Amino acid sequence: MSNKQVKINWSVSPKEDGMLLRCFLREVKGLSKKTLADIKFKGGFIFLNGEEVTVRTTVCTDDEVEIHLPEEKKSESLKEEVIPFEILFEDDHMLVINKPPGMPTIPSRQHPSGTLANAVMGYYHKGNISSTFHAVNRLDRDTSGLLVVAKHGFAHDQLAKAQKAGKLKRFYRAIVEGCVQPSTGTIHAPIGRKPTSIIERMVTPNGQVAITHYKVIASNEHFSDVEVDLQTGRTHQIRVHFAHLHHPLVGDELYGGETALLNRQALHCARLELIHPFTGYKHVFVCPLPQDIKMVKEAACL
């Protein structure tokens, strides 16, 4: 058994008494068939009350189940780089990071290095953490703020399911052009690729369902400071939806925003709420506006 392995513990409740351990792990705790296979064949372990067992064992009320996940193989294509970044929370299962603007989340042909993924892999290497990069949510290169990275595949699976079910909630702040009316509302408009671009998106009847809730924090004739709650997470969703309402984000040149006050979209993931998939605790993370967006607010008299 390796000291690097992630360990997860559960107690068996009365309603699970008499279950096969396989059913307890699959149906109650959400382990996928692949995760169970990895535990079995790639060096993981399953213990019941301190003794190693197979999934064919029956569990009883108050039994203690412990799994040891096998060490993950790092992606050979993902280069480790020493790049400082801010960690707001870390445990054996996840990182919550304040991503700066100008840093892509993952490498691409245009940005093969200098990404958050490269930085996290460098951090794992330095800390001797056996993991690869699992982004739960992604932020555009020029969007700043809170981003969750799972430290193993099972955590990624659980957090991704929570996000899809609306149990991992992200709240953004955006500075947009014009006075947004009404002051609270929901933008329900499908989003798809723009036929003439590989990057740009647009509102189109044939697009994917996209729902954005918003509340105006402050406004004047020329600008609005808006809090945004994403119900869905389409590419460029906030940027596309507000541009569709003729209120493009300040600095968002791709979707018609003026760049006189800022040379990137004025968009920041400011708050994140989640239930920890293994402890059950509710976490609320808050990340203040970065200095460049604060300066835009001052210049816009918001």
C-alpha atoms as a PDB file:
ATOM      1  CA  MET A   1       0.000   0.000   0.000  1.00  0.00           C
ATOM      2  CA  SER A   2       1.350   3.457  -0.931  1.00  0.00           C
ATOM      3  CA  ASN A   3       1.282   6.439   1.426  1.00  0.00           C
ATOM      4  CA  LYS A   4       0.237   8.535  -1.588  1.00  0.00           C
ATOM      5  CA  GLN A   5      -3.076   6.737  -2.009  1.00  0.00           C
ATOM      6  CA  VAL A   6      -6.256   8.665  -1.275  1.00  0.00           C
ATOM      7  CA  LYS A   7      -8.387   7.038   1.426  1.00  0.00           C
ATOM      8  CA  ILE A   8     -12.161   7.506   1.718  1.00  0.00           C
ATOM      9  CA  ASN A   9     -14.275   6.257   4.641  1.00  0.00           C
ATOM     10  CA  TRP A  10     -17.993   5.638   5.052  1.00  0.00           C
ATOM     11  CA  SER A  11     -20.225   4.161   7.760  1.00  0.00           C
ATOM     12  CA  VAL A  12     -23.038   1.788   6.812  1.00  0.00           C
ATOM     13  CA  SER A  13     -26.491   3.069   7.819  1.00  0.00           C
ATOM     14  CA  PRO A  14     -29.436   0.855   8.927  1.00  0.00           C
ATOM     15  CA  LYS A  15     -31.140   1.186   5.536  1.00  0.00           C
ATOM     16  CA  GLU A  16     -28.030  -0.297   3.891  1.00  0.00           C
ATOM     17  CA  ASP A  17     -27.867  -3.296   6.271  1.00  0.00           C
ATOM     18  CA  GLY A  18     -27.524  -6.581   4.385  1.00  0.00           C
ATOM     19  CA  MET A  19     -26.377  -4.987   1.107  1.00  0.00           C
ATOM     20  CA  LEU A  20     -23.591  -6.463  -0.962  1.00  0.00           C
ATOM     21  CA  LEU A  21     -20.543  -4.215  -0.709  1.00  0.00           C
ATOM     22  CA  ARG A  22     -20.613  -3.862  -4.498  1.00  0.00           C
ATOM     23  CA  CYS A  23     -24.134  -2.399  -4.326  1.00  0.00           C
ATOM     24  CA  PHE A  24     -23.173  -0.134  -1.426  1.00  0.00           C
ATOM     25  CA  LEU A  25     -20.225   1.277  -3.379  1.00  0.00           C
ATOM     26  CA  ARG A  26     -21.961   1.487  -6.766  1.00  0.00           C
ATOM     27  CA  GLU A  27     -25.526   2.488  -5.911  1.00  0.00           C
ATOM     28  CA  VAL A  28     -25.140   4.360  -2.613  1.00  0.00           C
ATOM     29  CA  LYS A  29     -21.691   5.961  -2.931  1.00  0.00           C
ATOM     30  CA  GLY A  30     -21.609   6.424  -6.680  1.00  0.00           C
ATOM     31  CA  LEU A  31     -18.428   4.564  -7.644  1.00  0.00           C
ATOM     32  CA  SER A  32     -18.429   3.767 -11.335  1.00  0.00           C
ATOM     33  CA  LYS A  33     -17.706   0.314 -12.694  1.00  0.00           C
ATOM     34  CA  LYS A  34     -14.388   1.707 -14.013  1.00  0.00           C
ATOM     35  CA  THR A  35     -13.392   3.071 -10.585  1.00  0.00           C
ATOM     36  CA  LEU A  36     -14.090  -0.285  -8.953  1.00  0.00           C
ATOM     37  CA  ALA A  37     -12.094  -2.036 -11.683  1.00  0.00           C
ATOM     38  CA  ASP A  38      -9.191   0.384 -11.158  1.00  0.00           C
ATOM     39  CA  ILE A  39      -9.237  -0.331  -7.420  1.00  0.00           C
ATOM     40  CA  LYS A  40      -9.189  -4.065  -8.115  1.00  0.00           C
ATOM     41  CA  PHE A  41      -6.585  -4.195 -10.872  1.00  0.00           C
ATOM     42  CA  LYS A  42      -4.412  -1.081 -10.462  1.00  0.00           C
ATOM     43  CA  GLY A  43      -3.287  -1.277  -6.862  1.00  0.00           C
ATOM     44  CA  GLY A  44      -6.224  -0.019  -4.811  1.00  0.00           C
ATOM     45  CA  PHE A  45      -7.767  -1.634  -1.729  1.00  0.00           C
ATOM     46  CA  ILE A  46     -11.179  -2.114  -0.090  1.00  0.00           C
ATOM     47  CA  PHE A  47     -11.416  -2.625   3.676  1.00  0.00           C
ATOM     48  CA  LEU A  48     -14.381  -3.523   5.868  1.00  0.00           C
ATOM     49  CA  ASN A  49     -13.823  -2.872   9.576  1.00  0.00           C
ATOM     50  CA  GLY A  50     -10.074  -2.836   8.963  1.00  0.00           C
ATOM     51  CA  GLU A  51      -9.883  -6.079   6.986  1.00  0.00           C
ATOM     52  CA  GLU A  52      -9.297  -6.287   3.250  1.00  0.00           C
ATOM     53  CA  VAL A  53     -12.362  -7.723   1.502  1.00  0.00           C
ATOM     54  CA  THR A  54     -13.910  -8.176  -1.944  1.00  0.00           C
ATOM     55  CA  VAL A  55     -17.049  -6.455  -3.227  1.00  0.00           C
ATOM     56  CA  ARG A  56     -18.980  -9.703  -2.771  1.00  0.00           C
ATOM     57  CA  THR A  57     -18.938  -9.175   1.019  1.00  0.00           C
ATOM     58  CA  THR A  58     -22.206  -8.260   2.791  1.00  0.00           C
ATOM     59  CA  VAL A  59     -22.261  -5.087   4.902  1.00  0.00           C
ATOM     60  CA  CYS A  60     -24.086  -4.533   8.199  1.00  0.00           C
ATOM     61  CA  THR A  61     -25.272  -1.462  10.114  1.00  0.00           C
ATOM     62  CA  ASP A  62     -22.362   0.564  11.590  1.00  0.00           C
ATOM     63  CA  ASP A  63     -19.742  -1.276   9.527  1.00  0.00           C
ATOM     64  CA  GLU A  64     -16.836   0.950   8.467  1.00  0.00           C
ATOM     65  CA  VAL A  65     -15.968   0.846   4.770  1.00  0.00           C
ATOM     66  CA  GLU A  66     -12.659   2.287   3.572  1.00  0.00           C
ATOM     67  CA  ILE A  67     -11.389   2.442   0.012  1.00  0.00           C
ATOM     68  CA  HIS A  68      -7.851   3.264  -1.079  1.00  0.00           C
ATOM     69  CA  LEU A  69      -7.776   4.666  -4.595  1.00  0.00           C
ATOM     70  CA  PRO A  70      -4.826   3.592  -6.771  1.00  0.00           C
ATOM     71  CA  GLU A  71      -2.235   6.213  -7.671  1.00  0.00           C
ATOM     72  CA  GLU A  72      -3.112   8.049 -10.849  1.00  0.00           C
ATOM     73  CA  LYS A  73      -0.840   8.022 -13.859  1.00  0.00           C
ATOM     74  CA  LYS A  74       0.139  11.542 -14.856  1.00  0.00           C
ATOM     75  CA  SER A  75      -0.562  12.608 -18.422  1.00  0.00           C
ATOM     76  CA  GLU A  76       2.679  12.409 -20.391  1.00  0.00           C
ATOM     77  CA  SER A  77       1.461  15.088 -22.789  1.00  0.00           C
ATOM     78  CA  LEU A  78       0.885  17.639 -20.009  1.00  0.00           C
ATOM     79  CA  LYS A  79       4.103  19.490 -19.223  1.00  0.00           C
ATOM     80  CA  GLU A  80       4.875  20.360 -15.592  1.00  0.00           C
ATOM     81  CA  GLU A  81       5.694  24.059 -15.156  1.00  0.00           C
ATOM     82  CA  VAL A  82       6.613  26.151 -12.119  1.00  0.00           C
ATOM     83  CA  ILE A  83       3.997  28.914 -12.297  1.00  0.00           C
ATOM     84  CA  PRO A  84       2.700  30.542  -9.087  1.00  0.00           C
ATOM     85  CA  PHE A  85      -1.060  30.497  -8.554  1.00  0.00           C
ATOM     86  CA  GLU A  86      -3.388  31.167  -5.627  1.00  0.00           C
ATOM     87  CA  ILE A  87      -4.998  28.237  -3.788  1.00  0.00           C
ATOM     88  CA  LEU A  88      -8.000  29.107  -1.597  1.00  0.00           C
ATOM     89  CA  PHE A  89      -8.708  25.558  -0.418  1.00  0.00           C
ATOM     90  CA  GLU A  90      -7.015  22.178  -0.644  1.00  0.00           C
ATOM     91  CA  ASP A  91      -7.569  18.687   0.756  1.00  0.00           C
ATOM     92  CA  ASP A  92      -6.957  15.163  -0.559  1.00  0.00           C
ATOM     93  CA  HIS A  93      -9.831  15.482  -3.013  1.00  0.00           C
ATOM     94  CA  MET A  94      -9.807  18.942  -4.580  1.00  0.00           C
ATOM     95  CA  LEU A  95      -8.245  22.350  -5.055  1.00  0.00           C
ATOM     96  CA  VAL A  96     -10.168  25.641  -5.244  1.00  0.00           C
ATOM     97  CA  ILE A  97      -8.091  28.134  -7.188  1.00  0.00           C
ATOM     98  CA  ASN A  98      -8.288  31.849  -7.959  1.00  0.00           C
ATOM     99  CA  LYS A  99      -7.365  31.830 -11.660  1.00  0.00           C
ATOM    100  CA  PRO A 100      -5.824  35.083 -12.878  1.00  0.00           C
ATOM    101  CA  PRO A 101      -6.931  36.679 -16.163  1.00  0.00           C
ATOM    102  CA  GLY A 102      -4.775  35.883 -19.150  1.00  0.00           C
ATOM    103  CA  MET A 103      -4.156  32.253 -18.129  1.00  0.00           C
ATOM    104  CA  PRO A 104      -5.863  29.504 -20.175  1.00  0.00           C
ATOM    105  CA  THR A 105      -7.308  26.620 -18.172  1.00  0.00           C
ATOM    106  CA  ILE A 106      -5.864  23.903 -20.411  1.00  0.00           C
ATOM    107  CA  PRO A 107      -3.269  23.833 -23.206  1.00  0.00           C
ATOM    108  CA  SER A 108      -4.303  24.348 -26.803  1.00  0.00           C
ATOM    109  CA  ARG A 109      -2.586  24.787 -30.146  1.00  0.00           C
ATOM    110  CA  GLN A 110      -2.516  28.558 -29.562  1.00  0.00           C
ATOM    111  CA  HIS A 111      -1.404  28.223 -25.923  1.00  0.00           C
ATOM    112  CA  PRO A 112       0.611  24.997 -25.501  1.00  0.00           C
ATOM    113  CA  SER A 113       2.121  26.102 -22.187  1.00  0.00           C
ATOM    114  CA  GLY A 114       1.633  28.608 -19.384  1.00  0.00           C
ATOM    115  CA  THR A 115      -1.811  27.251 -18.576  1.00  0.00           C
ATOM    116  CA  LEU A 116      -3.405  26.479 -15.235  1.00  0.00           C
ATOM    117  CA  ALA A 117      -3.090  22.776 -16.044  1.00  0.00           C
ATOM    118  CA  ASN A 118       0.672  23.152 -16.485  1.00  0.00           C
ATOM    119  CA  ALA A 119       0.890  25.109 -13.228  1.00  0.00           C
ATOM    120  CA  VAL A 120      -1.127  22.531 -11.273  1.00  0.00           C
ATOM    121  CA  MET A 121       0.983  19.667 -12.636  1.00  0.00           C
ATOM    122  CA  GLY A 122       4.108  21.543 -11.541  1.00  0.00           C
ATOM    123  CA  TYR A 123       2.567  21.970  -8.092  1.00  0.00           C
ATOM    124  CA  TYR A 124       1.740  18.250  -7.919  1.00  0.00           C
ATOM    125  CA  HIS A 125       5.296  17.376  -8.928  1.00  0.00           C
ATOM    126  CA  LYS A 126       6.782  19.597  -6.231  1.00  0.00           C
ATOM    127  CA  GLY A 127       4.427  18.163  -3.592  1.00  0.00           C
ATOM    128  CA  ASN A 128       4.891  14.564  -4.762  1.00  0.00           C
ATOM    129  CA  ILE A 129       1.136  14.316  -5.403  1.00  0.00           C
ATOM    130  CA  SER A 130       0.169  11.398  -7.624  1.00  0.00           C
ATOM    131  CA  SER A 131      -2.564  12.937  -9.734  1.00  0.00           C
ATOM    132  CA  THR A 132      -3.348  14.328 -13.139  1.00  0.00           C
ATOM    133  CA  PHE A 133      -5.330  17.466 -14.020  1.00  0.00           C
ATOM    134  CA  HIS A 134      -9.129  17.271 -13.581  1.00  0.00           C
ATOM    135  CA  ALA A 135     -10.845  20.652 -14.067  1.00  0.00           C
ATOM    136  CA  VAL A 136     -14.430  20.537 -12.757  1.00  0.00           C
ATOM    137  CA  ASN A 137     -15.319  23.904 -14.267  1.00  0.00           C
ATOM    138  CA  ARG A 138     -13.382  25.918 -16.814  1.00  0.00           C
ATOM    139  CA  LEU A 139     -12.912  29.632 -17.245  1.00  0.00           C
ATOM    140  CA  ASP A 140     -12.052  31.410 -20.489  1.00  0.00           C
ATOM    141  CA  ARG A 141      -8.445  32.589 -20.721  1.00  0.00           C
ATOM    142  CA  ASP A 142      -9.357  36.203 -19.901  1.00  0.00           C
ATOM    143  CA  THR A 143     -11.978  35.396 -17.248  1.00  0.00           C
ATOM    144  CA  SER A 144     -10.694  35.453 -13.676  1.00  0.00           C
ATOM    145  CA  GLY A 145     -11.848  33.860 -10.455  1.00  0.00           C
ATOM    146  CA  LEU A 146     -12.837  30.628  -8.776  1.00  0.00           C
ATOM    147  CA  LEU A 147     -12.128  27.309 -10.404  1.00  0.00           C
ATOM    148  CA  VAL A 148     -12.366  23.790  -8.919  1.00  0.00           C
ATOM    149  CA  VAL A 149      -9.798  21.114  -9.738  1.00  0.00           C
ATOM    150  CA  ALA A 150     -10.425  17.534  -8.593  1.00  0.00           C
ATOM    151  CA  LYS A 151      -7.360  15.649  -7.387  1.00  0.00           C
ATOM    152  CA  HIS A 152      -8.548  12.208  -8.488  1.00  0.00           C
ATOM    153  CA  GLY A 153     -10.994  10.758 -10.991  1.00  0.00           C
ATOM    154  CA  PHE A 154     -13.638   9.734  -8.448  1.00  0.00           C
ATOM    155  CA  ALA A 155     -13.749  13.274  -7.002  1.00  0.00           C
ATOM    156  CA  HIS A 156     -14.017  14.686 -10.518  1.00  0.00           C
ATOM    157  CA  ASP A 157     -16.929  12.377 -11.291  1.00  0.00           C
ATOM    158  CA  GLN A 158     -18.775  13.323  -8.084  1.00  0.00           C
ATOM    159  CA  LEU A 159     -18.172  17.075  -8.460  1.00  0.00           C
ATOM    160  CA  ALA A 160     -19.143  17.041 -12.142  1.00  0.00           C
ATOM    161  CA  LYS A 161     -22.413  15.276 -11.274  1.00  0.00           C
ATOM    162  CA  ALA A 162     -23.045  17.830  -8.519  1.00  0.00           C
ATOM    163  CA  GLN A 163     -22.474  20.676 -10.972  1.00  0.00           C
ATOM    164  CA  LYS A 164     -24.848  19.130 -13.512  1.00  0.00           C
ATOM    165  CA  ALA A 165     -27.484  18.729 -10.782  1.00  0.00           C
ATOM    166  CA  GLY A 166     -27.107  22.377  -9.722  1.00  0.00           C
ATOM    167  CA  LYS A 167     -25.445  21.486  -6.412  1.00  0.00           C
ATOM    168  CA  LEU A 168     -22.183  23.172  -7.337  1.00  0.00           C
ATOM    169  CA  LYS A 169     -23.176  26.768  -7.960  1.00  0.00           C
ATOM    170  CA  ARG A 170     -21.048  29.506  -9.530  1.00  0.00           C
ATOM    171  CA  PHE A 171     -21.803  33.218  -9.265  1.00  0.00           C
ATOM    172  CA  TYR A 172     -20.072  35.712 -11.529  1.00  0.00           C
ATOM    173  CA  ARG A 173     -19.672  39.485 -11.588  1.00  0.00           C
ATOM    174  CA  ALA A 174     -19.705  41.241 -14.940  1.00  0.00           C
ATOM    175  CA  ILE A 175     -19.453  44.886 -15.973  1.00  0.00           C
ATOM    176  CA  VAL A 176     -21.589  45.356 -19.070  1.00  0.00           C
ATOM    177  CA  GLU A 177     -22.354  48.277 -21.339  1.00  0.00           C
ATOM    178  CA  GLY A 178     -25.633  50.137 -20.888  1.00  0.00           C
ATOM    179  CA  CYS A 179     -28.303  50.129 -18.197  1.00  0.00           C
ATOM    180  CA  VAL A 180     -29.667  46.579 -17.910  1.00  0.00           C
ATOM    181  CA  GLN A 181     -33.447  46.449 -17.532  1.00  0.00           C
ATOM    182  CA  PRO A 182     -35.208  44.862 -15.762  1.00  0.00           C
ATOM    183  CA  SER A 183     -32.859  44.820 -12.777  1.00  0.00           C
ATOM    184  CA  THR A 184     -33.391  41.076 -12.238  1.00  0.00           C
ATOM    185  CA  GLY A 185     -34.188  38.462 -14.811  1.00  0.00           C
ATOM    186  CA  THR A 186     -33.437  35.252 -16.666  1.00  0.00           C
ATOM    187  CA  ILE A 187     -31.951  34.956 -20.134  1.00  0.00           C
ATOM    188  CA  HIS A 188     -33.227  31.752 -21.712  1.00  0.00           C
ATOM    189  CA  ALA A 189     -31.673  31.556 -25.185  1.00  0.00           C
ATOM    190  CA  PRO A 190     -29.996  28.544 -26.868  1.00  0.00           C
ATOM    191  CA  ILE A 191     -26.325  28.883 -27.825  1.00  0.00           C
ATOM    192  CA  GLY A 192     -24.418  27.283 -30.684  1.00  0.00           C
ATOM    193  CA  ARG A 193     -21.313  27.842 -32.793  1.00  0.00           C
ATOM    194  CA  LYS A 194     -21.234  30.763 -35.192  1.00  0.00           C
ATOM    195  CA  PRO A 195     -20.948  29.189 -38.671  1.00  0.00           C
ATOM    196  CA  THR A 196     -18.188  31.573 -39.756  1.00  0.00           C
ATOM    197  CA  SER A 197     -15.949  31.074 -36.697  1.00  0.00           C
ATOM    198  CA  ILE A 198     -14.310  28.214 -34.805  1.00  0.00           C
ATOM    199  CA  ILE A 199     -14.236  30.323 -31.621  1.00  0.00           C
ATOM    200  CA  GLU A 200     -17.313  32.532 -31.567  1.00  0.00           C
ATOM    201  CA  ARG A 201     -20.724  31.427 -30.305  1.00  0.00           C
ATOM    202  CA  MET A 202     -24.151  32.897 -30.933  1.00  0.00           C
ATOM    203  CA  VAL A 203     -27.781  32.626 -29.895  1.00  0.00           C
ATOM    204  CA  THR A 204     -29.450  30.295 -32.369  1.00  0.00           C
ATOM    205  CA  PRO A 205     -32.661  28.218 -32.342  1.00  0.00           C
ATOM    206  CA  ASN A 206     -30.585  25.119 -33.133  1.00  0.00           C
ATOM    207  CA  GLY A 207     -28.197  25.631 -30.209  1.00  0.00           C
ATOM    208  CA  GLN A 208     -27.961  23.965 -26.808  1.00  0.00           C
ATOM    209  CA  VAL A 209     -30.220  25.059 -23.972  1.00  0.00           C
ATOM    210  CA  ALA A 210     -28.591  27.950 -22.103  1.00  0.00           C
ATOM    211  CA  ILE A 211     -30.068  29.680 -19.038  1.00  0.00           C
ATOM    212  CA  THR A 212     -28.540  32.665 -17.241  1.00  0.00           C
ATOM    213  CA  HIS A 213     -30.022  34.368 -14.160  1.00  0.00           C
ATOM    214  CA  TYR A 214     -28.860  37.870 -13.311  1.00  0.00           C
ATOM    215  CA  LYS A 215     -29.266  40.678 -10.790  1.00  0.00           C
ATOM    216  CA  VAL A 216     -28.067  44.247 -11.280  1.00  0.00           C
ATOM    217  CA  ILE A 217     -25.849  45.376  -8.392  1.00  0.00           C
ATOM    218  CA  ALA A 218     -25.372  48.957  -9.613  1.00  0.00           C
ATOM    219  CA  SER A 219     -26.049  50.820 -12.842  1.00  0.00           C
ATOM    220  CA  ASN A 220     -26.132  54.152 -14.581  1.00  0.00           C
ATOM    221  CA  GLU A 221     -26.923  55.323 -18.082  1.00  0.00           C
ATOM    222  CA  HIS A 222     -23.735  53.837 -19.539  1.00  0.00           C
ATOM    223  CA  PHE A 223     -22.774  50.744 -17.510  1.00  0.00           C
ATOM    224  CA  SER A 224     -24.141  48.032 -15.208  1.00  0.00           C
ATOM    225  CA  ASP A 225     -22.451  45.885 -12.560  1.00  0.00           C
ATOM    226  CA  VAL A 226     -24.268  42.554 -12.746  1.00  0.00           C
ATOM    227  CA  GLU A 227     -24.216  39.405 -10.602  1.00  0.00           C
ATOM    228  CA  VAL A 228     -24.784  36.314 -12.714  1.00  0.00           C
ATOM    229  CA  ASP A 229     -25.939  32.837 -11.687  1.00  0.00           C
ATOM    230  CA  LEU A 230     -25.374  30.187 -14.351  1.00  0.00           C
ATOM    231  CA  GLN A 231     -27.977  27.457 -14.562  1.00  0.00           C
ATOM    232  CA  THR A 232     -26.173  25.918 -17.545  1.00  0.00           C
ATOM    233  CA  GLY A 233     -22.517  26.169 -18.538  1.00  0.00           C
ATOM    234  CA  ARG A 234     -22.215  26.696 -22.275  1.00  0.00           C
ATOM    235  CA  THR A 235     -19.030  28.051 -23.834  1.00  0.00           C
ATOM    236  CA  HIS A 236     -18.975  31.878 -23.588  1.00  0.00           C
ATOM    237  CA  GLN A 237     -22.524  31.760 -22.161  1.00  0.00           C
ATOM    238  CA  ILE A 238     -22.478  35.006 -20.143  1.00  0.00           C
ATOM    239  CA  ARG A 239     -20.663  36.876 -22.896  1.00  0.00           C
ATOM    240  CA  VAL A 240     -23.040  35.666 -25.610  1.00  0.00           C
ATOM    241  CA  HIS A 241     -26.226  36.219 -23.611  1.00  0.00           C
ATOM    242  CA  PHE A 242     -25.470  39.804 -22.641  1.00  0.00           C
ATOM    243  CA  ALA A 243     -24.238  40.652 -26.133  1.00  0.00           C
ATOM    244  CA  HIS A 244     -27.545  39.218 -27.413  1.00  0.00           C
ATOM    245  CA  LEU A 245     -29.359  41.724 -25.161  1.00  0.00           C
ATOM    246  CA  HIS A 246     -27.181  44.521 -26.621  1.00  0.00           C
ATOM    247  CA  HIS A 247     -25.244  44.794 -23.356  1.00  0.00           C
ATOM    248  CA  PRO A 248     -21.823  43.352 -24.261  1.00  0.00           C
ATOM    249  CA  LEU A 249     -19.262  42.956 -21.504  1.00  0.00           C
ATOM    250  CA  VAL A 250     -16.795  45.811 -21.132  1.00  0.00           C
ATOM    251  CA  GLY A 251     -13.553  44.821 -22.854  1.00  0.00           C
ATOM    252  CA  ASP A 252     -15.092  41.880 -24.728  1.00  0.00           C
ATOM    253  CA  GLU A 253     -13.981  42.764 -28.251  1.00  0.00           C
ATOM    254  CA  LEU A 254     -15.056  39.367 -29.638  1.00  0.00           C
ATOM    255  CA  TYR A 255     -18.708  40.103 -28.824  1.00  0.00           C
ATOM    256  CA  GLY A 256     -18.796  43.841 -29.488  1.00  0.00           C
ATOM    257  CA  GLY A 257     -17.563  45.304 -26.195  1.00  0.00           C
ATOM    258  CA  GLU A 258     -15.457  48.461 -26.110  1.00  0.00           C
ATOM    259  CA  THR A 259     -11.839  48.078 -24.964  1.00  0.00           C
ATOM    260  CA  ALA A 260     -11.145  51.658 -23.871  1.00  0.00           C
ATOM    261  CA  LEU A 261     -11.507  50.792 -20.154  1.00  0.00           C
ATOM    262  CA  LEU A 262     -10.248  47.198 -20.215  1.00  0.00           C
ATOM    263  CA  ASN A 263      -8.482  44.944 -22.699  1.00  0.00           C
ATOM    264  CA  ARG A 264     -10.189  41.725 -21.526  1.00  0.00           C
ATOM    265  CA  GLN A 265     -13.820  40.859 -20.795  1.00  0.00           C
ATOM    266  CA  ALA A 266     -14.867  42.258 -17.398  1.00  0.00           C
ATOM    267  CA  LEU A 267     -15.920  38.885 -16.025  1.00  0.00           C
ATOM    268  CA  HIS A 268     -14.974  37.284 -12.715  1.00  0.00           C
ATOM    269  CA  CYS A 269     -16.186  34.133 -10.935  1.00  0.00           C
ATOM    270  CA  ALA A 270     -16.697  35.694  -7.503  1.00  0.00           C
ATOM    271  CA  ARG A 271     -18.524  33.065  -5.453  1.00  0.00           C
ATOM    272  CA  LEU A 272     -18.756  29.303  -5.477  1.00  0.00           C
ATOM    273  CA  GLU A 273     -20.950  27.056  -3.337  1.00  0.00           C
ATOM    274  CA  LEU A 274     -20.654  23.281  -3.090  1.00  0.00           C
ATOM    275  CA  ILE A 275     -21.356  20.316  -0.850  1.00  0.00           C
ATOM    276  CA  HIS A 276     -18.137  18.383  -0.343  1.00  0.00           C
ATOM    277  CA  PRO A 277     -18.743  14.967  -1.956  1.00  0.00           C
ATOM    278  CA  PHE A 278     -16.944  13.040   0.794  1.00  0.00           C
ATOM    279  CA  THR A 279     -17.429  15.041   3.992  1.00  0.00           C
ATOM    280  CA  GLY A 280     -20.933  16.372   3.321  1.00  0.00           C
ATOM    281  CA  TYR A 281     -19.900  19.852   4.505  1.00  0.00           C
ATOM    282  CA  LYS A 282     -21.158  22.908   2.646  1.00  0.00           C
ATOM    283  CA  HIS A 283     -18.362  25.187   1.454  1.00  0.00           C
ATOM    284  CA  VAL A 284     -18.808  28.777   0.281  1.00  0.00           C
ATOM    285  CA  PHE A 285     -15.798  30.403  -1.379  1.00  0.00           C
ATOM    286  CA  VAL A 286     -15.660  34.134  -2.089  1.00  0.00           C
ATOM    287  CA  CYS A 287     -13.073  35.806  -4.299  1.00  0.00           C
ATOM    288  CA  PRO A 288     -12.947  39.640  -4.418  1.00  0.00           C
ATOM    289  CA  LEU A 289     -12.920  41.478  -7.723  1.00  0.00           C
ATOM    290  CA  PRO A 290      -9.412  41.819  -9.183  1.00  0.00           C
ATOM    291  CA  GLN A 291      -7.841  45.252  -9.351  1.00  0.00           C
ATOM    292  CA  ASP A 292      -8.447  45.803 -13.073  1.00  0.00           C
ATOM    293  CA  ILE A 293     -12.221  45.293 -12.730  1.00  0.00           C
ATOM    294  CA  LYS A 294     -12.299  47.486  -9.615  1.00  0.00           C
ATOM    295  CA  MET A 295     -10.674  50.234 -11.697  1.00  0.00           C
ATOM    296  CA  VAL A 296     -13.335  49.778 -14.396  1.00  0.00           C
ATOM    297  CA  LYS A 297     -16.071  50.165 -11.764  1.00  0.00           C
ATOM    298  CA  GLU A 298     -14.462  53.393 -10.548  1.00  0.00           C
ATOM    299  CA  ALA A 299     -14.061  54.749 -14.070  1.00  0.00           C
ATOM    300  CA  ALA A 300     -17.659  53.814 -14.867  1.00  0.00           C
ATOM    301  CA  CYS A 301     -18.864  55.503 -11.644  1.00  0.00           C
ATOM    302  CA  LEU A 302     -20.510  52.319 -10.369  1.00  0.00           C
END
